[in-house]
Amino acid sequence: MKKIVLAVAVLCYSSSLLSQTTYAIEKGSWLAGGKTKLSFTSEPYFNNEKIKTSSFRFSPNLGYFVADQWAIGGKLDFETSSTKFGNMDPEKYNDIGLGIMTRYYFLEAT
């Protein structure tokens, strides 16, 4: 499982590095991005029991350049987490959100 998570992380970061090599910030271009988060924690609790928490977050965004160096678009947020206190049933949490975004680039277009 750790190898799969590591492979996905390397793939995500390397693809973001490759996408940075060209600057398509002209009117009519598309902008795609996002972020992910995966975490696991375990903390001591009363009577040698533990609090275990796991969470996953995925936040993609997509924009369209309506003018040179200015993009508008939307984003989606999805998060799920689970917390287990000792021998109790786990508490689960899911969150979904939508939003709008705008981005302006101050650098010169090439």
PDB file of N, CA and C in Angstrom:
ATOM      1  N   MET A   1       0.816  -1.188   0.000  1.00  0.00           N
ATOM      2  CA  MET A   1       0.000   0.000   0.000  1.00  0.00           C
ATOM      3  C   MET A   1       0.866   1.261   0.000  1.00  0.00           C
ATOM      4  N   LYS A   2       1.954   1.229   0.797  1.00  0.00           N
ATOM      5  CA  LYS A   2       2.838   2.388   0.852  1.00  0.00           C
ATOM      6  C   LYS A   2       3.489   2.652  -0.501  1.00  0.00           C
ATOM      7  N   LYS A   3       3.807   1.585  -1.237  1.00  0.00           N
ATOM      8  CA  LYS A   3       4.417   1.748  -2.558  1.00  0.00           C
ATOM      9  C   LYS A   3       3.438   2.392  -3.537  1.00  0.00           C
ATOM     10  N   ILE A   4       2.171   2.032  -3.439  1.00  0.00           N
ATOM     11  CA  ILE A   4       1.162   2.612  -4.326  1.00  0.00           C
ATOM     12  C   ILE A   4       0.986   4.094  -4.023  1.00  0.00           C
ATOM     13  N   VAL A   5       0.893   4.443  -2.740  1.00  0.00           N
ATOM     14  CA  VAL A   5       0.743   5.844  -2.349  1.00  0.00           C
ATOM     15  C   VAL A   5       1.959   6.651  -2.804  1.00  0.00           C
ATOM     16  N   LEU A   6       3.141   6.105  -2.630  1.00  0.00           N
ATOM     17  CA  LEU A   6       4.364   6.790  -3.057  1.00  0.00           C
ATOM     18  C   LEU A   6       4.382   6.970  -4.571  1.00  0.00           C
ATOM     19  N   ALA A   7       3.992   5.956  -5.317  1.00  0.00           N
ATOM     20  CA  ALA A   7       3.969   6.061  -6.780  1.00  0.00           C
ATOM     21  C   ALA A   7       2.979   7.125  -7.247  1.00  0.00           C
ATOM     22  N   VAL A   8       1.808   7.184  -6.628  1.00  0.00           N
ATOM     23  CA  VAL A   8       0.821   8.198  -6.991  1.00  0.00           C
ATOM     24  C   VAL A   8       1.340   9.595  -6.663  1.00  0.00           C
ATOM     25  N   ALA A   9       1.985   9.748  -5.513  1.00  0.00           N
ATOM     26  CA  ALA A   9       2.535  11.050  -5.130  1.00  0.00           C
ATOM     27  C   ALA A   9       3.618  11.508  -6.106  1.00  0.00           C
ATOM     28  N   VAL A  10       4.515  10.604  -6.476  1.00  0.00           N
ATOM     29  CA  VAL A  10       5.576  10.949  -7.439  1.00  0.00           C
ATOM     30  C   VAL A  10       4.973  11.327  -8.783  1.00  0.00           C
ATOM     31  N   LEU A  11       3.973  10.592  -9.228  1.00  0.00           N
ATOM     32  CA  LEU A  11       3.315  10.890 -10.500  1.00  0.00           C
ATOM     33  C   LEU A  11       2.659  12.272 -10.472  1.00  0.00           C
ATOM     34  N   CYS A  12       1.965  12.584  -9.383  1.00  0.00           N
ATOM     35  CA  CYS A  12       1.301  13.886  -9.274  1.00  0.00           C
ATOM     36  C   CYS A  12       2.311  15.033  -9.280  1.00  0.00           C
ATOM     37  N   TYR A  13       3.384  14.912  -8.507  1.00  0.00           N
ATOM     38  CA  TYR A  13       4.363  15.985  -8.444  1.00  0.00           C
ATOM     39  C   TYR A  13       5.157  16.121  -9.736  1.00  0.00           C
ATOM     40  N   SER A  14       5.495  15.013 -10.379  1.00  0.00           N
ATOM     41  CA  SER A  14       6.246  15.111 -11.626  1.00  0.00           C
ATOM     42  C   SER A  14       5.391  15.690 -12.741  1.00  0.00           C
ATOM     43  N   SER A  15       4.107  15.370 -12.777  1.00  0.00           N
ATOM     44  CA  SER A  15       3.247  15.948 -13.811  1.00  0.00           C
ATOM     45  C   SER A  15       3.061  17.442 -13.582  1.00  0.00           C
ATOM     46  N   SER A  16       3.050  17.886 -12.323  1.00  0.00           N
ATOM     47  CA  SER A  16       2.933  19.322 -12.072  1.00  0.00           C
ATOM     48  C   SER A  16       4.213  20.050 -12.460  1.00  0.00           C
ATOM     49  N   LEU A  17       5.351  19.400 -12.323  1.00  0.00           N
ATOM     50  CA  LEU A  17       6.604  20.023 -12.761  1.00  0.00           C
ATOM     51  C   LEU A  17       6.655  20.159 -14.268  1.00  0.00           C
ATOM     52  N   LEU A  18       6.188  19.143 -14.985  1.00  0.00           N
ATOM     53  CA  LEU A  18       6.186  19.205 -16.432  1.00  0.00           C
ATOM     54  C   LEU A  18       5.217  20.261 -16.949  1.00  0.00           C
ATOM     55  N   SER A  19       4.124  20.477 -16.270  1.00  0.00           N
ATOM     56  CA  SER A  19       3.150  21.460 -16.727  1.00  0.00           C
ATOM     57  C   SER A  19       3.642  22.885 -16.516  1.00  0.00           C
ATOM     58  N   GLN A  20       4.696  23.067 -15.724  1.00  0.00           N
ATOM     59  CA  GLN A  20       5.227  24.394 -15.454  1.00  0.00           C
ATOM     60  C   GLN A  20       6.205  24.872 -16.521  1.00  0.00           C
ATOM     61  N   THR A  21       6.558  24.024 -17.478  1.00  0.00           N
ATOM     62  CA  THR A  21       7.599  24.393 -18.434  1.00  0.00           C
ATOM     63  C   THR A  21       7.116  25.324 -19.534  1.00  0.00           C
ATOM     64  N   THR A  22       5.828  25.404 -19.790  1.00  0.00           N
ATOM     65  CA  THR A  22       5.312  26.330 -20.790  1.00  0.00           C
ATOM     66  C   THR A  22       4.318  27.267 -20.128  1.00  0.00           C
ATOM     67  N   TYR A  23       4.194  28.436 -20.681  1.00  0.00           N
ATOM     68  CA  TYR A  23       3.320  29.444 -20.100  1.00  0.00           C
ATOM     69  C   TYR A  23       2.196  29.765 -21.075  1.00  0.00           C
ATOM     70  N   ALA A  24       1.156  28.962 -21.092  1.00  0.00           N
ATOM     71  CA  ALA A  24       0.006  29.191 -21.957  1.00  0.00           C
ATOM     72  C   ALA A  24      -1.007  30.019 -21.188  1.00  0.00           C
ATOM     73  N   ILE A  25      -0.748  31.315 -21.072  1.00  0.00           N
ATOM     74  CA  ILE A  25      -1.639  32.195 -20.314  1.00  0.00           C
ATOM     75  C   ILE A  25      -2.299  33.209 -21.239  1.00  0.00           C
ATOM     76  N   GLU A  26      -2.590  32.770 -22.443  1.00  0.00           N
ATOM     77  CA  GLU A  26      -3.232  33.643 -23.416  1.00  0.00           C
ATOM     78  C   GLU A  26      -4.722  33.355 -23.463  1.00  0.00           C
ATOM     79  N   LYS A  27      -5.484  34.313 -23.954  1.00  0.00           N
ATOM     80  CA  LYS A  27      -6.930  34.162 -24.077  1.00  0.00           C
ATOM     81  C   LYS A  27      -7.260  32.889 -24.862  1.00  0.00           C
ATOM     82  N   GLY A  28      -8.213  32.112 -24.348  1.00  0.00           N
ATOM     83  CA  GLY A  28      -8.620  30.875 -24.994  1.00  0.00           C
ATOM     84  C   GLY A  28      -7.934  29.630 -24.450  1.00  0.00           C
ATOM     85  N   SER A  29      -6.926  29.785 -23.588  1.00  0.00           N
ATOM     86  CA  SER A  29      -6.226  28.638 -22.993  1.00  0.00           C
ATOM     87  C   SER A  29      -6.974  28.156 -21.752  1.00  0.00           C
ATOM     88  N   TRP A  30      -6.687  26.923 -21.352  1.00  0.00           N
ATOM     89  CA  TRP A  30      -7.294  26.330 -20.166  1.00  0.00           C
ATOM     90  C   TRP A  30      -6.264  26.206 -19.060  1.00  0.00           C
ATOM     91  N   LEU A  31      -6.718  26.257 -17.828  1.00  0.00           N
ATOM     92  CA  LEU A  31      -5.888  26.107 -16.640  1.00  0.00           C
ATOM     93  C   LEU A  31      -6.470  24.974 -15.800  1.00  0.00           C
ATOM     94  N   ALA A  32      -5.669  23.978 -15.485  1.00  0.00           N
ATOM     95  CA  ALA A  32      -6.120  22.869 -14.649  1.00  0.00           C
ATOM     96  C   ALA A  32      -5.124  22.678 -13.513  1.00  0.00           C
ATOM     97  N   GLY A  33      -5.635  22.384 -12.339  1.00  0.00           N
ATOM     98  CA  GLY A  33      -4.756  22.177 -11.197  1.00  0.00           C
ATOM     99  C   GLY A  33      -5.524  21.533 -10.059  1.00  0.00           C
ATOM    100  N   GLY A  34      -4.913  21.557  -8.908  1.00  0.00           N
ATOM    101  CA  GLY A  34      -5.562  21.003  -7.736  1.00  0.00           C
ATOM    102  C   GLY A  34      -4.559  20.542  -6.709  1.00  0.00           C
ATOM    103  N   LYS A  35      -5.079  19.915  -5.677  1.00  0.00           N
ATOM    104  CA  LYS A  35      -4.209  19.381  -4.629  1.00  0.00           C
ATOM    105  C   LYS A  35      -4.877  18.188  -3.977  1.00  0.00           C
ATOM    106  N   THR A  36      -4.048  17.362  -3.353  1.00  0.00           N
ATOM    107  CA  THR A  36      -4.541  16.203  -2.617  1.00  0.00           C
ATOM    108  C   THR A  36      -3.854  16.152  -1.254  1.00  0.00           C
ATOM    109  N   LYS A  37      -4.498  15.477  -0.325  1.00  0.00           N
ATOM    110  CA  LYS A  37      -3.923  15.304   1.005  1.00  0.00           C
ATOM    111  C   LYS A  37      -4.357  13.945   1.532  1.00  0.00           C
ATOM    112  N   LEU A  38      -3.425  13.207   2.085  1.00  0.00           N
ATOM    113  CA  LEU A  38      -3.690  11.918   2.708  1.00  0.00           C
ATOM    114  C   LEU A  38      -2.938  11.890   4.024  1.00  0.00           C
ATOM    115  N   SER A  39      -3.643  11.621   5.122  1.00  0.00           N
ATOM    116  CA  SER A  39      -2.955  11.600   6.414  1.00  0.00           C
ATOM    117  C   SER A  39      -3.499  10.504   7.319  1.00  0.00           C
ATOM    118  N   PHE A  40      -2.602   9.997   8.156  1.00  0.00           N
ATOM    119  CA  PHE A  40      -2.927   8.990   9.156  1.00  0.00           C
ATOM    120  C   PHE A  40      -2.251   9.401  10.457  1.00  0.00           C
ATOM    121  N   THR A  41      -2.998   9.387  11.568  1.00  0.00           N
ATOM    122  CA  THR A  41      -2.409   9.698  12.871  1.00  0.00           C
ATOM    123  C   THR A  41      -2.878   8.679  13.899  1.00  0.00           C
ATOM    124  N   SER A  42      -2.069   8.513  14.918  1.00  0.00           N
ATOM    125  CA  SER A  42      -2.399   7.637  16.037  1.00  0.00           C
ATOM    126  C   SER A  42      -1.834   8.285  17.297  1.00  0.00           C
ATOM    127  N   GLU A  43      -2.700   8.525  18.287  1.00  0.00           N
ATOM    128  CA  GLU A  43      -2.279   9.197  19.513  1.00  0.00           C
ATOM    129  C   GLU A  43      -2.696   8.376  20.722  1.00  0.00           C
ATOM    130  N   PRO A  44      -1.901   8.418  21.811  1.00  0.00           N
ATOM    131  CA  PRO A  44      -2.280   7.700  23.029  1.00  0.00           C
ATOM    132  C   PRO A  44      -3.566   8.262  23.615  1.00  0.00           C
ATOM    133  N   TYR A  45      -4.331   7.394  24.231  1.00  0.00           N
ATOM    134  CA  TYR A  45      -5.612   7.753  24.811  1.00  0.00           C
ATOM    135  C   TYR A  45      -5.708   7.101  26.181  1.00  0.00           C
ATOM    136  N   PHE A  46      -6.769   7.314  26.885  1.00  0.00           N
ATOM    137  CA  PHE A  46      -7.005   6.787  28.219  1.00  0.00           C
ATOM    138  C   PHE A  46      -6.876   5.262  28.267  1.00  0.00           C
ATOM    139  N   ASN A  47      -6.265   4.710  29.321  1.00  0.00           N
ATOM    140  CA  ASN A  47      -6.084   3.266  29.536  1.00  0.00           C
ATOM    141  C   ASN A  47      -5.342   2.579  28.387  1.00  0.00           C
ATOM    142  N   ASN A  48      -4.288   3.158  27.915  1.00  0.00           N
ATOM    143  CA  ASN A  48      -3.447   2.603  26.851  1.00  0.00           C
ATOM    144  C   ASN A  48      -4.181   2.353  25.534  1.00  0.00           C
ATOM    145  N   GLU A  49      -5.301   2.987  25.335  1.00  0.00           N
ATOM    146  CA  GLU A  49      -5.988   2.897  24.053  1.00  0.00           C
ATOM    147  C   GLU A  49      -5.489   4.041  23.172  1.00  0.00           C
ATOM    148  N   LYS A  50      -5.878   4.005  21.911  1.00  0.00           N
ATOM    149  CA  LYS A  50      -5.393   5.022  20.977  1.00  0.00           C
ATOM    150  C   LYS A  50      -6.539   5.690  20.237  1.00  0.00           C
ATOM    151  N   ILE A  51      -6.290   6.922  19.840  1.00  0.00           N
ATOM    152  CA  ILE A  51      -7.182   7.641  18.934  1.00  0.00           C
ATOM    153  C   ILE A  51      -6.537   7.541  17.556  1.00  0.00           C
ATOM    154  N   LYS A  52      -7.232   6.929  16.610  1.00  0.00           N
ATOM    155  CA  LYS A  52      -6.701   6.766  15.257  1.00  0.00           C
ATOM    156  C   LYS A  52      -7.538   7.603  14.298  1.00  0.00           C
ATOM    157  N   THR A  53      -6.864   8.397  13.496  1.00  0.00           N
ATOM    158  CA  THR A  53      -7.548   9.259  12.535  1.00  0.00           C
ATOM    159  C   THR A  53      -6.942   9.058  11.159  1.00  0.00           C
ATOM    160  N   SER A  54      -7.790   8.993  10.149  1.00  0.00           N
ATOM    161  CA  SER A  54      -7.325   8.955   8.770  1.00  0.00           C
ATOM    162  C   SER A  54      -8.173   9.933   7.963  1.00  0.00           C
ATOM    163  N   SER A  55      -7.537  10.606   7.003  1.00  0.00           N
ATOM    164  CA  SER A  55      -8.297  11.553   6.184  1.00  0.00           C
ATOM    165  C   SER A  55      -7.723  11.609   4.776  1.00  0.00           C
ATOM    166  N   PHE A  56      -8.599  11.954   3.848  1.00  0.00           N
ATOM    167  CA  PHE A  56      -8.234  12.100   2.441  1.00  0.00           C
ATOM    168  C   PHE A  56      -8.956  13.319   1.895  1.00  0.00           C
ATOM    169  N   ARG A  57      -8.226  14.156   1.163  1.00  0.00           N
ATOM    170  CA  ARG A  57      -8.808  15.356   0.561  1.00  0.00           C
ATOM    171  C   ARG A  57      -8.378  15.455  -0.891  1.00  0.00           C
ATOM    172  N   PHE A  58      -9.317  15.805  -1.754  1.00  0.00           N
ATOM    173  CA  PHE A  58      -9.071  15.949  -3.188  1.00  0.00           C
ATOM    174  C   PHE A  58      -9.732  17.249  -3.634  1.00  0.00           C
ATOM    175  N   SER A  59      -8.946  18.163  -4.219  1.00  0.00           N
ATOM    176  CA  SER A  59      -9.463  19.483  -4.591  1.00  0.00           C
ATOM    177  C   SER A  59      -9.000  19.881  -5.990  1.00  0.00           C
ATOM    178  N   PRO A  60      -9.703  19.453  -7.035  1.00  0.00           N
ATOM    179  CA  PRO A  60      -9.322  19.870  -8.383  1.00  0.00           C
ATOM    180  C   PRO A  60      -9.912  21.246  -8.722  1.00  0.00           C
ATOM    181  N   ASN A  61      -9.252  21.952  -9.656  1.00  0.00           N
ATOM    182  CA  ASN A  61      -9.821  23.200 -10.158  1.00  0.00           C
ATOM    183  C   ASN A  61      -9.590  23.294 -11.658  1.00  0.00           C
ATOM    184  N   LEU A  62     -10.431  24.063 -12.319  1.00  0.00           N
ATOM    185  CA  LEU A  62     -10.370  24.221 -13.765  1.00  0.00           C
ATOM    186  C   LEU A  62     -10.743  25.657 -14.101  1.00  0.00           C
ATOM    187  N   GLY A  63      -9.935  26.282 -14.944  1.00  0.00           N
ATOM    188  CA  GLY A  63     -10.196  27.664 -15.319  1.00  0.00           C
ATOM    189  C   GLY A  63     -10.009  27.885 -16.811  1.00  0.00           C
ATOM    190  N   TYR A  64     -10.562  28.982 -17.290  1.00  0.00           N
ATOM    191  CA  TYR A  64     -10.468  29.357 -18.699  1.00  0.00           C
ATOM    192  C   TYR A  64      -9.976  30.797 -18.767  1.00  0.00           C
ATOM    193  N   PHE A  65      -8.996  31.055 -19.631  1.00  0.00           N
ATOM    194  CA  PHE A  65      -8.453  32.395 -19.771  1.00  0.00           C
ATOM    195  C   PHE A  65      -9.396  33.239 -20.631  1.00  0.00           C
ATOM    196  N   VAL A  66     -10.094  34.168 -19.986  1.00  0.00           N
ATOM    197  CA  VAL A  66     -11.027  35.040 -20.693  1.00  0.00           C
ATOM    198  C   VAL A  66     -10.305  36.219 -21.337  1.00  0.00           C
ATOM    199  N   ALA A  67      -9.099  36.487 -20.901  1.00  0.00           N
ATOM    200  CA  ALA A  67      -8.228  37.511 -21.468  1.00  0.00           C
ATOM    201  C   ALA A  67      -6.802  37.060 -21.215  1.00  0.00           C
ATOM    202  N   ASP A  68      -5.835  37.676 -21.888  1.00  0.00           N
ATOM    203  CA  ASP A  68      -4.441  37.329 -21.627  1.00  0.00           C
ATOM    204  C   ASP A  68      -4.133  37.533 -20.145  1.00  0.00           C
ATOM    205  N   GLN A  69      -3.562  36.510 -19.524  1.00  0.00           N
ATOM    206  CA  GLN A  69      -3.106  36.505 -18.142  1.00  0.00           C
ATOM    207  C   GLN A  69      -4.235  36.508 -17.097  1.00  0.00           C
ATOM    208  N   TRP A  70      -5.509  36.379 -17.489  1.00  0.00           N
ATOM    209  CA  TRP A  70      -6.604  36.382 -16.528  1.00  0.00           C
ATOM    210  C   TRP A  70      -7.529  35.201 -16.766  1.00  0.00           C
ATOM    211  N   ALA A  71      -7.617  34.327 -15.760  1.00  0.00           N
ATOM    212  CA  ALA A  71      -8.452  33.122 -15.856  1.00  0.00           C
ATOM    213  C   ALA A  71      -9.556  33.165 -14.802  1.00  0.00           C
ATOM    214  N   ILE A  72     -10.715  32.617 -15.172  1.00  0.00           N
ATOM    215  CA  ILE A  72     -11.789  32.417 -14.212  1.00  0.00           C
ATOM    216  C   ILE A  72     -12.222  30.953 -14.309  1.00  0.00           C
ATOM    217  N   GLY A  73     -12.762  30.432 -13.243  1.00  0.00           N
ATOM    218  CA  GLY A  73     -13.165  29.030 -13.285  1.00  0.00           C
ATOM    219  C   GLY A  73     -13.805  28.589 -11.987  1.00  0.00           C
ATOM    220  N   GLY A  74     -13.786  27.299 -11.775  1.00  0.00           N
ATOM    221  CA  GLY A  74     -14.398  26.725 -10.599  1.00  0.00           C
ATOM    222  C   GLY A  74     -13.529  25.672  -9.963  1.00  0.00           C
ATOM    223  N   LYS A  75     -13.902  25.299  -8.750  1.00  0.00           N
ATOM    224  CA  LYS A  75     -13.167  24.248  -8.055  1.00  0.00           C
ATOM    225  C   LYS A  75     -14.121  23.393  -7.251  1.00  0.00           C
ATOM    226  N   LEU A  76     -13.694  22.191  -6.980  1.00  0.00           N
ATOM    227  CA  LEU A  76     -14.459  21.210  -6.222  1.00  0.00           C
ATOM    228  C   LEU A  76     -13.595  20.736  -5.068  1.00  0.00           C
ATOM    229  N   ASP A  77     -14.175  20.653  -3.893  1.00  0.00           N
ATOM    230  CA  ASP A  77     -13.471  20.133  -2.719  1.00  0.00           C
ATOM    231  C   ASP A  77     -14.207  18.907  -2.213  1.00  0.00           C
ATOM    232  N   PHE A  78     -13.462  17.845  -1.974  1.00  0.00           N
ATOM    233  CA  PHE A  78     -14.013  16.623  -1.397  1.00  0.00           C
ATOM    234  C   PHE A  78     -13.085  16.166  -0.283  1.00  0.00           C
ATOM    235  N   GLU A  79     -13.642  15.921   0.888  1.00  0.00           N
ATOM    236  CA  GLU A  79     -12.847  15.440   2.013  1.00  0.00           C
ATOM    237  C   GLU A  79     -13.621  14.377   2.766  1.00  0.00           C
ATOM    238  N   THR A  80     -12.925  13.335   3.168  1.00  0.00           N
ATOM    239  CA  THR A  80     -13.511  12.297   4.006  1.00  0.00           C
ATOM    240  C   THR A  80     -12.509  11.953   5.107  1.00  0.00           C
ATOM    241  N   SER A  81     -13.016  11.731   6.304  1.00  0.00           N
ATOM    242  CA  SER A  81     -12.136  11.361   7.410  1.00  0.00           C
ATOM    243  C   SER A  81     -12.860  10.414   8.356  1.00  0.00           C
ATOM    244  N   SER A  82     -12.073   9.690   9.112  1.00  0.00           N
ATOM    245  CA  SER A  82     -12.601   8.727  10.074  1.00  0.00           C
ATOM    246  C   SER A  82     -11.741   8.789  11.335  1.00  0.00           C
ATOM    247  N   THR A  83     -12.398   8.846  12.493  1.00  0.00           N
ATOM    248  CA  THR A  83     -11.704   8.882  13.778  1.00  0.00           C
ATOM    249  C   THR A  83     -12.248   7.763  14.645  1.00  0.00           C
ATOM    250  N   LYS A  84     -11.334   6.988  15.232  1.00  0.00           N
ATOM    251  CA  LYS A  84     -11.729   5.866  16.088  1.00  0.00           C
ATOM    252  C   LYS A  84     -11.124   6.084  17.470  1.00  0.00           C
ATOM    253  N   PHE A  85     -11.998   6.090  18.498  1.00  0.00           N
ATOM    254  CA  PHE A  85     -11.589   6.238  19.887  1.00  0.00           C
ATOM    255  C   PHE A  85     -11.621   4.878  20.564  1.00  0.00           C
ATOM    256  N   GLY A  86     -10.485   4.290  20.773  1.00  0.00           N
ATOM    257  CA  GLY A  86     -10.429   3.014  21.473  1.00  0.00           C
ATOM    258  C   GLY A  86     -11.281   1.943  20.821  1.00  0.00           C
ATOM    259  N   ASN A  87     -12.191   1.340  21.601  1.00  0.00           N
ATOM    260  CA  ASN A  87     -13.053   0.262  21.101  1.00  0.00           C
ATOM    261  C   ASN A  87     -14.393   0.760  20.553  1.00  0.00           C
ATOM    262  N   MET A  88     -14.592   2.072  20.517  1.00  0.00           N
ATOM    263  CA  MET A  88     -15.863   2.631  20.037  1.00  0.00           C
ATOM    264  C   MET A  88     -15.934   2.548  18.514  1.00  0.00           C
ATOM    265  N   ASP A  89     -17.148   2.660  17.988  1.00  0.00           N
ATOM    266  CA  ASP A  89     -17.323   2.698  16.543  1.00  0.00           C
ATOM    267  C   ASP A  89     -16.678   3.968  15.980  1.00  0.00           C
ATOM    268  N   PRO A  90     -16.120   3.889  14.781  1.00  0.00           N
ATOM    269  CA  PRO A  90     -15.481   5.077  14.208  1.00  0.00           C
ATOM    270  C   PRO A  90     -16.503   6.172  13.856  1.00  0.00           C
ATOM    271  N   GLU A  91     -16.075   7.416  14.028  1.00  0.00           N
ATOM    272  CA  GLU A  91     -16.868   8.563  13.599  1.00  0.00           C
ATOM    273  C   GLU A  91     -16.396   8.938  12.206  1.00  0.00           C
ATOM    274  N   LYS A  92     -17.337   9.039  11.267  1.00  0.00           N
ATOM    275  CA  LYS A  92     -16.976   9.342   9.891  1.00  0.00           C
ATOM    276  C   LYS A  92     -17.507  10.712   9.508  1.00  0.00           C
ATOM    277  N   TYR A  93     -16.755  11.380   8.643  1.00  0.00           N
ATOM    278  CA  TYR A  93     -17.077  12.743   8.225  1.00  0.00           C
ATOM    279  C   TYR A  93     -16.805  12.870   6.737  1.00  0.00           C
ATOM    280  N   ASN A  94     -17.774  13.394   5.997  1.00  0.00           N
ATOM    281  CA  ASN A  94     -17.610  13.659   4.565  1.00  0.00           C
ATOM    282  C   ASN A  94     -17.999  15.102   4.292  1.00  0.00           C
ATOM    283  N   ASP A  95     -17.249  15.744   3.407  1.00  0.00           N
ATOM    284  CA  ASP A  95     -17.501  17.143   3.075  1.00  0.00           C
ATOM    285  C   ASP A  95     -17.308  17.339   1.579  1.00  0.00           C
ATOM    286  N   ILE A  96     -18.260  18.016   0.951  1.00  0.00           N
ATOM    287  CA  ILE A  96     -18.162  18.344  -0.468  1.00  0.00           C
ATOM    288  C   ILE A  96     -18.433  19.833  -0.615  1.00  0.00           C
ATOM    289  N   GLY A  97     -17.622  20.504  -1.417  1.00  0.00           N
ATOM    290  CA  GLY A  97     -17.809  21.934  -1.623  1.00  0.00           C
ATOM    291  C   GLY A  97     -17.541  22.334  -3.063  1.00  0.00           C
ATOM    292  N   LEU A  98     -18.191  23.405  -3.478  1.00  0.00           N
ATOM    293  CA  LEU A  98     -17.989  23.993  -4.797  1.00  0.00           C
ATOM    294  C   LEU A  98     -17.573  25.447  -4.616  1.00  0.00           C
ATOM    295  N   GLY A  99     -16.786  25.944  -5.529  1.00  0.00           N
ATOM    296  CA  GLY A  99     -16.383  27.332  -5.433  1.00  0.00           C
ATOM    297  C   GLY A  99     -15.996  27.904  -6.786  1.00  0.00           C
ATOM    298  N   ILE A 100     -15.869  29.204  -6.820  1.00  0.00           N
ATOM    299  CA  ILE A 100     -15.393  29.871  -8.027  1.00  0.00           C
ATOM    300  C   ILE A 100     -13.989  30.392  -7.759  1.00  0.00           C
ATOM    301  N   MET A 101     -13.246  30.607  -8.809  1.00  0.00           N
ATOM    302  CA  MET A 101     -11.880  31.096  -8.658  1.00  0.00           C
ATOM    303  C   MET A 101     -11.562  32.069  -9.779  1.00  0.00           C
ATOM    304  N   THR A 102     -10.608  32.906  -9.525  1.00  0.00           N
ATOM    305  CA  THR A 102     -10.050  33.774 -10.547  1.00  0.00           C
ATOM    306  C   THR A 102      -8.553  33.863 -10.298  1.00  0.00           C
ATOM    307  N   ARG A 103      -7.808  34.000 -11.346  1.00  0.00           N
ATOM    308  CA  ARG A 103      -6.359  34.075 -11.229  1.00  0.00           C
ATOM    309  C   ARG A 103      -5.839  35.052 -12.275  1.00  0.00           C
ATOM    310  N   TYR A 104      -4.961  35.946 -11.842  1.00  0.00           N
ATOM    311  CA  TYR A 104      -4.329  36.896 -12.748  1.00  0.00           C
ATOM    312  C   TYR A 104      -2.826  36.735 -12.634  1.00  0.00           C
ATOM    313  N   TYR A 105      -2.128  36.680 -13.764  1.00  0.00           N
ATOM    314  CA  TYR A 105      -0.679  36.536 -13.810  1.00  0.00           C
ATOM    315  C   TYR A 105      -0.060  37.885 -14.141  1.00  0.00           C
ATOM    316  N   PHE A 106       0.841  38.342 -13.285  1.00  0.00           N
ATOM    317  CA  PHE A 106       1.497  39.633 -13.494  1.00  0.00           C
ATOM    318  C   PHE A 106       2.723  39.542 -14.382  1.00  0.00           C
ATOM    319  N   LEU A 107       3.216  38.332 -14.655  1.00  0.00           N
ATOM    320  CA  LEU A 107       4.386  38.181 -15.505  1.00  0.00           C
ATOM    321  C   LEU A 107       4.025  38.408 -16.970  1.00  0.00           C
ATOM    322  N   GLU A 108       5.003  38.683 -17.767  1.00  0.00           N
ATOM    323  CA  GLU A 108       4.787  38.917 -19.198  1.00  0.00           C
ATOM    324  C   GLU A 108       4.517  37.596 -19.899  1.00  0.00           C
ATOM    325  N   ALA A 109       3.549  37.578 -20.798  1.00  0.00           N
ATOM    326  CA  ALA A 109       3.247  36.383 -21.589  1.00  0.00           C
ATOM    327  C   ALA A 109       4.361  36.144 -22.602  1.00  0.00           C
ATOM    328  N   THR A 110       4.736  34.868 -22.788  1.00  0.00           N
ATOM    329  CA  THR A 110       5.794  34.554 -23.762  1.00  0.00           C
ATOM    330  C   THR A 110       5.228  33.832 -24.947  1.00  0.00           C
TER     331      THR A 110
END
